[in-house]
C-alpha atoms as a PDB file:
ATOM      1  CA  UNK A   1      -5.548   9.706 -35.478  1.00  0.00           C
ATOM      2  CA  UNK A   2      -1.954  10.274 -34.520  1.00  0.00           C
ATOM      3  CA  UNK A   3      -2.688  12.475 -31.420  1.00  0.00           C
ATOM      4  CA  UNK A   4      -5.261   9.697 -30.404  1.00  0.00           C
ATOM      5  CA  UNK A   5      -3.006   7.121 -30.786  1.00  0.00           C
ATOM      6  CA  UNK A   6       0.023   9.070 -28.978  1.00  0.00           C
ATOM      7  CA  UNK A   7      -2.863   9.596 -26.111  1.00  0.00           C
ATOM      8  CA  UNK A   8      -3.115   5.807 -26.098  1.00  0.00           C
ATOM      9  CA  UNK A   9       0.876   5.400 -25.581  1.00  0.00           C
ATOM     10  CA  UNK A  10       0.784   7.661 -22.832  1.00  0.00           C
ATOM     11  CA  UNK A  11      -1.978   5.897 -21.157  1.00  0.00           C
ATOM     12  CA  UNK A  12       0.053   2.505 -21.360  1.00  0.00           C
ATOM     13  CA  UNK A  13       3.023   3.852 -20.297  1.00  0.00           C
ATOM     14  CA  UNK A  14       1.058   5.505 -17.023  1.00  0.00           C
ATOM     15  CA  UNK A  15      -0.483   1.911 -16.583  1.00  0.00           C
ATOM     16  CA  UNK A  16       3.156   0.407 -16.372  1.00  0.00           C
ATOM     17  CA  UNK A  17       4.128   3.404 -13.922  1.00  0.00           C
ATOM     18  CA  UNK A  18       1.282   2.307 -11.751  1.00  0.00           C
ATOM     19  CA  UNK A  19       2.657  -1.491 -11.884  1.00  0.00           C
ATOM     20  CA  UNK A  20       6.000  -0.468 -11.550  1.00  0.00           C
ATOM     21  CA  UNK A  21       5.466   1.786  -8.468  1.00  0.00           C
ATOM     22  CA  UNK A  22       4.664  -0.796  -5.692  1.00  0.00           C
ATOM     23  CA  UNK A  23       7.678  -2.669  -6.541  1.00  0.00           C
ATOM     24  CA  UNK A  24       9.897  -0.050  -6.644  1.00  0.00           C
ATOM     25  CA  UNK A  25       9.125   1.358  -2.964  1.00  0.00           C
ATOM     26  CA  UNK A  26      10.143  -1.460  -0.349  1.00  0.00           C
ATOM     27  CA  UNK A  27       8.152   0.364   2.147  1.00  0.00           C
ATOM     28  CA  UNK A  28       4.934   0.336  -0.114  1.00  0.00           C
ATOM     29  CA  UNK A  29       5.682  -3.482  -1.232  1.00  0.00           C
ATOM     30  CA  UNK A  30       6.293  -5.177   2.532  1.00  0.00           C
ATOM     31  CA  UNK A  31       2.637  -2.917   3.484  1.00  0.00           C
ATOM     32  CA  UNK A  32       0.988  -4.578   0.560  1.00  0.00           C
ATOM     33  CA  UNK A  33       2.339  -8.175   1.494  1.00  0.00           C
ATOM     34  CA  UNK A  34       1.082  -7.550   4.867  1.00  0.00           C
ATOM     35  CA  UNK A  35      -2.519  -6.351   3.634  1.00  0.00           C
ATOM     36  CA  UNK A  36      -2.348  -9.527   1.978  1.00  0.00           C
ATOM     37  CA  UNK A  37      -1.172 -11.681   5.147  1.00  0.00           C
ATOM     38  CA  UNK A  38      -3.823 -10.002   7.174  1.00  0.00           C
ATOM     39  CA  UNK A  39      -6.555 -10.710   4.503  1.00  0.00           C
ATOM     40  CA  UNK A  40      -5.273 -14.483   4.811  1.00  0.00           C
ATOM     41  CA  UNK A  41      -5.507 -14.533   8.357  1.00  0.00           C
ATOM     42  CA  UNK A  42      -9.174 -12.590   8.193  1.00  0.00           C
ATOM     43  CA  UNK A  43     -10.336 -15.164   5.538  1.00  0.00           C
ATOM     44  CA  UNK A  44     -11.073 -12.330   2.801  1.00  0.00           C
ATOM     45  CA  UNK A  45      -8.201 -13.010   0.449  1.00  0.00           C
ATOM     46  CA  UNK A  46      -9.921 -11.377  -2.552  1.00  0.00           C
ATOM     47  CA  UNK A  47     -12.084  -8.961  -1.073  1.00  0.00           C
ATOM     48  CA  UNK A  48      -9.914  -7.448   1.592  1.00  0.00           C
ATOM     49  CA  UNK A  49      -7.151  -5.640  -0.618  1.00  0.00           C
ATOM     50  CA  UNK A  50     -10.069  -3.835  -2.136  1.00  0.00           C
ATOM     51  CA  UNK A  51     -10.484  -1.449   0.611  1.00  0.00           C
ATOM     52  CA  UNK A  52      -6.804  -0.743   0.701  1.00  0.00           C
ATOM     53  CA  UNK A  53      -7.249   0.056  -3.097  1.00  0.00           C
ATOM     54  CA  UNK A  54     -10.504   2.243  -2.363  1.00  0.00           C
ATOM     55  CA  UNK A  55      -8.324   4.173   0.208  1.00  0.00           C
ATOM     56  CA  UNK A  56      -5.575   4.686  -2.633  1.00  0.00           C
ATOM     57  CA  UNK A  57      -8.095   5.987  -4.966  1.00  0.00           C
ATOM     58  CA  UNK A  58      -9.335   8.456  -2.363  1.00  0.00           C
ATOM     59  CA  UNK A  59      -5.781   9.842  -2.005  1.00  0.00           C
ATOM     60  CA  UNK A  60      -5.483  10.384  -5.837  1.00  0.00           C
ATOM     61  CA  UNK A  61      -8.645  12.476  -5.296  1.00  0.00           C
ATOM     62  CA  UNK A  62      -6.920  14.402  -2.455  1.00  0.00           C
ATOM     63  CA  UNK A  63      -3.932  15.226  -4.364  1.00  0.00           C
ATOM     64  CA  UNK A  64      -6.125  16.267  -7.490  1.00  0.00           C
ATOM     65  CA  UNK A  65      -8.008  18.429  -5.016  1.00  0.00           C
ATOM     66  CA  UNK A  66      -4.712  19.884  -3.746  1.00  0.00           C
ATOM     67  CA  UNK A  67      -4.905  18.329  -0.424  1.00  0.00           C
ATOM     68  CA  UNK A  68      -1.703  18.221   1.686  1.00  0.00           C
ATOM     69  CA  UNK A  69      -2.067  15.092   4.042  1.00  0.00           C
ATOM     70  CA  UNK A  70       0.236  15.715   7.007  1.00  0.00           C
ATOM     71  CA  UNK A  71       3.348  13.233   8.041  1.00  0.00           C
ATOM     72  CA  UNK A  72       2.894  10.996   5.283  1.00  0.00           C
ATOM     73  CA  UNK A  73       6.178   9.208   5.557  1.00  0.00           C
ATOM     74  CA  UNK A  74       5.598   8.779   9.160  1.00  0.00           C
ATOM     75  CA  UNK A  75       1.983   7.395   8.499  1.00  0.00           C
ATOM     76  CA  UNK A  76       3.737   4.992   5.959  1.00  0.00           C
ATOM     77  CA  UNK A  77       6.078   3.908   8.453  1.00  0.00           C
ATOM     78  CA  UNK A  78       3.476   3.503  11.750  1.00  0.00           C
ATOM     79  CA  UNK A  79       1.358   1.566   9.082  1.00  0.00           C
ATOM     80  CA  UNK A  80       4.015  -1.074   8.512  1.00  0.00           C
ATOM     81  CA  UNK A  81       4.466  -1.233  12.314  1.00  0.00           C
ATOM     82  CA  UNK A  82       0.864  -1.516  12.751  1.00  0.00           C
ATOM     83  CA  UNK A  83       0.472  -4.149  10.008  1.00  0.00           C
ATOM     84  CA  UNK A  84       3.359  -6.254  11.657  1.00  0.00           C
ATOM     85  CA  UNK A  85       2.021  -6.148  15.012  1.00  0.00           C
ATOM     86  CA  UNK A  86      -1.537  -7.070  13.825  1.00  0.00           C
ATOM     87  CA  UNK A  87      -0.123 -10.093  12.132  1.00  0.00           C
ATOM     88  CA  UNK A  88       2.094 -11.247  14.749  1.00  0.00           C
ATOM     89  CA  UNK A  89      -0.612 -10.627  17.650  1.00  0.00           C
ATOM     90  CA  UNK A  90      -3.419 -12.033  15.201  1.00  0.00           C
ATOM     91  CA  UNK A  91      -6.726 -12.143  17.029  1.00  0.00           C
ATOM     92  CA  UNK A  92      -9.992 -12.578  15.147  1.00  0.00           C
ATOM     93  CA  UNK A  93     -11.469  -9.052  14.438  1.00  0.00           C
ATOM     94  CA  UNK A  94     -14.294  -7.534  12.983  1.00  0.00           C
ATOM     95  CA  UNK A  95     -13.183  -7.224   9.352  1.00  0.00           C
ATOM     96  CA  UNK A  96     -15.074  -3.722   9.339  1.00  0.00           C
ATOM     97  CA  UNK A  97     -12.558  -2.285  11.404  1.00  0.00           C
ATOM     98  CA  UNK A  98      -9.715  -3.760   9.157  1.00  0.00           C
ATOM     99  CA  UNK A  99     -11.441  -2.187   6.139  1.00  0.00           C
ATOM    100  CA  UNK A 100     -11.190   0.931   7.507  1.00  0.00           C
ATOM    101  CA  UNK A 101      -8.039   0.910   8.500  1.00  0.00           C
ATOM    102  CA  UNK A 102      -7.192  -0.118   5.007  1.00  0.00           C
ATOM    103  CA  UNK A 103      -9.092   2.883   3.759  1.00  0.00           C
ATOM    104  CA  UNK A 104      -7.274   5.393   5.800  1.00  0.00           C
ATOM    105  CA  UNK A 105      -3.952   3.896   5.411  1.00  0.00           C
ATOM    106  CA  UNK A 106      -4.493   3.597   1.544  1.00  0.00           C
ATOM    107  CA  UNK A 107      -4.926   7.409   1.593  1.00  0.00           C
ATOM    108  CA  UNK A 108      -1.526   7.950   2.318  1.00  0.00           C
ATOM    109  CA  UNK A 109       0.443   5.200   0.528  1.00  0.00           C
ATOM    110  CA  UNK A 110      -1.445   6.696  -2.543  1.00  0.00           C
ATOM    111  CA  UNK A 111      -0.636  10.231  -1.510  1.00  0.00           C
ATOM    112  CA  UNK A 112       3.002   9.653  -1.538  1.00  0.00           C
ATOM    113  CA  UNK A 113       2.921   7.267  -4.973  1.00  0.00           C
ATOM    114  CA  UNK A 114       0.530   9.677  -6.687  1.00  0.00           C
ATOM    115  CA  UNK A 115       2.591  12.906  -5.758  1.00  0.00           C
ATOM    116  CA  UNK A 116       4.925  12.247  -8.198  1.00  0.00           C
ATOM    117  CA  UNK A 117       2.706  11.775 -11.135  1.00  0.00           C
ATOM    118  CA  UNK A 118      -0.138  14.551 -10.415  1.00  0.00           C
ATOM    119  CA  UNK A 119       2.418  17.145 -10.673  1.00  0.00           C
ATOM    120  CA  UNK A 120       3.628  16.038 -14.150  1.00  0.00           C
ATOM    121  CA  UNK A 121       0.178  14.762 -15.615  1.00  0.00           C
ATOM    122  CA  UNK A 122      -2.863  15.987 -13.394  1.00  0.00           C
ATOM    123  CA  UNK A 123      -4.215  17.946 -16.410  1.00  0.00           C
ATOM    124  CA  UNK A 124      -4.891  14.664 -18.536  1.00  0.00           C
ATOM    125  CA  UNK A 125      -7.642  12.671 -16.579  1.00  0.00           C
ATOM    126  CA  UNK A 126      -7.266   9.708 -19.194  1.00  0.00           C
ATOM    127  CA  UNK A 127      -3.291   9.041 -18.208  1.00  0.00           C
ATOM    128  CA  UNK A 128      -4.398   9.455 -14.573  1.00  0.00           C
ATOM    129  CA  UNK A 129      -6.748   6.960 -14.945  1.00  0.00           C
ATOM    130  CA  UNK A 130      -4.162   4.585 -16.612  1.00  0.00           C
ATOM    131  CA  UNK A 131      -1.744   5.346 -13.735  1.00  0.00           C
ATOM    132  CA  UNK A 132      -4.717   4.282 -10.927  1.00  0.00           C
ATOM    133  CA  UNK A 133      -5.614   1.549 -12.966  1.00  0.00           C
ATOM    134  CA  UNK A 134      -2.233  -0.382 -13.243  1.00  0.00           C
ATOM    135  CA  UNK A 135      -1.407   0.712  -9.633  1.00  0.00           C
ATOM    136  CA  UNK A 136      -4.520  -0.780  -8.389  1.00  0.00           C
ATOM    137  CA  UNK A 137      -4.281  -4.149 -10.333  1.00  0.00           C
ATOM    138  CA  UNK A 138      -0.890  -4.511  -9.189  1.00  0.00           C
ATOM    139  CA  UNK A 139      -1.467  -4.062  -5.646  1.00  0.00           C
ATOM    140  CA  UNK A 140      -4.741  -6.377  -5.420  1.00  0.00           C
ATOM    141  CA  UNK A 141      -2.659  -9.184  -7.159  1.00  0.00           C
ATOM    142  CA  UNK A 142       0.185  -8.578  -4.750  1.00  0.00           C
ATOM    143  CA  UNK A 143      -1.958  -8.534  -1.790  1.00  0.00           C
ATOM    144  CA  UNK A 144      -3.900 -11.042  -3.272  1.00  0.00           C
ATOM    145  CA  UNK A 145      -0.828 -13.518  -4.197  1.00  0.00           C
ATOM    146  CA  UNK A 146       0.504 -12.585  -0.861  1.00  0.00           C
ATOM    147  CA  UNK A 147      -2.516 -14.075   1.193  1.00  0.00           C
ATOM    148  CA  UNK A 148      -2.516 -17.319  -1.184  1.00  0.00           C
ATOM    149  CA  UNK A 149       0.783 -17.708  -0.698  1.00  0.00           C
ATOM    150  CA  UNK A 150       0.197 -17.713   3.242  1.00  0.00           C
ATOM    151  CA  UNK A 151      -2.996 -20.022   2.879  1.00  0.00           C
ATOM    152  CA  UNK A 152      -0.603 -22.561   0.939  1.00  0.00           C
ATOM    153  CA  UNK A 153       2.322 -22.954   3.246  1.00  0.00           C
ATOM    154  CA  UNK A 154       0.670 -22.360   6.648  1.00  0.00           C
ATOM    155  CA  UNK A 155      -1.201 -24.906   8.432  1.00  0.00           C
ATOM    156  CA  UNK A 156      -4.554 -24.618   7.296  1.00  0.00           C
ATOM    157  CA  UNK A 157      -6.375 -21.975   9.396  1.00  0.00           C
ATOM    158  CA  UNK A 158      -3.731 -21.639  11.912  1.00  0.00           C
ATOM    159  CA  UNK A 159      -3.004 -18.285  12.562  1.00  0.00           C
ATOM    160  CA  UNK A 160      -0.242 -19.312  15.150  1.00  0.00           C
ATOM    161  CA  UNK A 161       1.717 -20.914  12.609  1.00  0.00           C
ATOM    162  CA  UNK A 162       5.256 -19.536  13.185  1.00  0.00           C
ATOM    163  CA  UNK A 163       5.512 -18.497   9.455  1.00  0.00           C
ATOM    164  CA  UNK A 164       2.755 -15.815   9.903  1.00  0.00           C
ATOM    165  CA  UNK A 165       4.299 -14.879  13.415  1.00  0.00           C
ATOM    166  CA  UNK A 166       7.932 -14.464  11.815  1.00  0.00           C
ATOM    167  CA  UNK A 167       6.458 -12.410   8.528  1.00  0.00           C
ATOM    168  CA  UNK A 168       4.530 -10.006  11.077  1.00  0.00           C
ATOM    169  CA  UNK A 169       7.808  -9.595  13.282  1.00  0.00           C
ATOM    170  CA  UNK A 170       9.968  -8.586   9.915  1.00  0.00           C
ATOM    171  CA  UNK A 171       7.018  -6.117   8.576  1.00  0.00           C
ATOM    172  CA  UNK A 172       7.049  -4.638  11.965  1.00  0.00           C
ATOM    173  CA  UNK A 173      10.803  -4.684  11.999  1.00  0.00           C
ATOM    174  CA  UNK A 174      10.646  -2.731   8.760  1.00  0.00           C
ATOM    175  CA  UNK A 175       8.390  -0.119  10.040  1.00  0.00           C
ATOM    176  CA  UNK A 176      10.454   0.169  13.425  1.00  0.00           C
ATOM    177  CA  UNK A 177      13.392   0.758  11.040  1.00  0.00           C
ATOM    178  CA  UNK A 178      11.909   3.264   9.136  1.00  0.00           C
ATOM    179  CA  UNK A 179      10.030   5.376  12.186  1.00  0.00           C
ATOM    180  CA  UNK A 180      13.705   5.354  13.389  1.00  0.00           C
ATOM    181  CA  UNK A 181      15.533   6.735  10.121  1.00  0.00           C
ATOM    182  CA  UNK A 182      12.422   9.532  10.320  1.00  0.00           C
ATOM    183  CA  UNK A 183      13.244  10.546  13.767  1.00  0.00           C
ATOM    184  CA  UNK A 184      16.845  10.464  13.083  1.00  0.00           C
ATOM    185  CA  UNK A 185      16.253  12.943   9.979  1.00  0.00           C
ATOM    186  CA  UNK A 186      14.156  15.005  12.426  1.00  0.00           C
ATOM    187  CA  UNK A 187      16.735  15.157  15.368  1.00  0.00           C
ATOM    188  CA  UNK A 188      20.190  15.382  13.584  1.00  0.00           C
ATOM    189  CA  UNK A 189      19.459  18.956  11.871  1.00  0.00           C
ATOM    190  CA  UNK A 190      18.444  20.339  15.401  1.00  0.00           C
ATOM    191  CA  UNK A 191      21.721  18.923  16.881  1.00  0.00           C
ATOM    192  CA  UNK A 192      23.955  20.022  14.119  1.00  0.00           C
END
């Protein structure tokens, strides 16, 4: 009974870790906010973020299976740039394309998140499940809240609202900054 109690404590600890993770990494947080804005624009506030969560679950499976994804941090930075551009220059798009992009990008975001936990806890599926449950719930809540917030503050169904455009510009700017930082980290060692 003591062992079971300790196991539940570990699950709750990992759920809290999953909940806190997107709030700690600002690159991930801004992308998650971008997912919410894109889902608002696509009129899929509640369902849209689930595709990102689905992709993230796939990323966790890749980690557990031992697969390495290439250029994870660069892809995450590019995903911010892409999300910002999509928001800024919004044109009504077939949501299947957006859902597919969310799934693919989710693989990389979760790979970056999960890499830290899986090294420590990969042998315990209950703990990993607690982590992914907490993380998935938090991402869905943040994305949905972001979409609902933009629905409230924007003129009804006006994707050209300046608040939407400015938000897209900010997210794209963060992506550009992170891409430049990545390039700097690759170039400086070659010079020095």
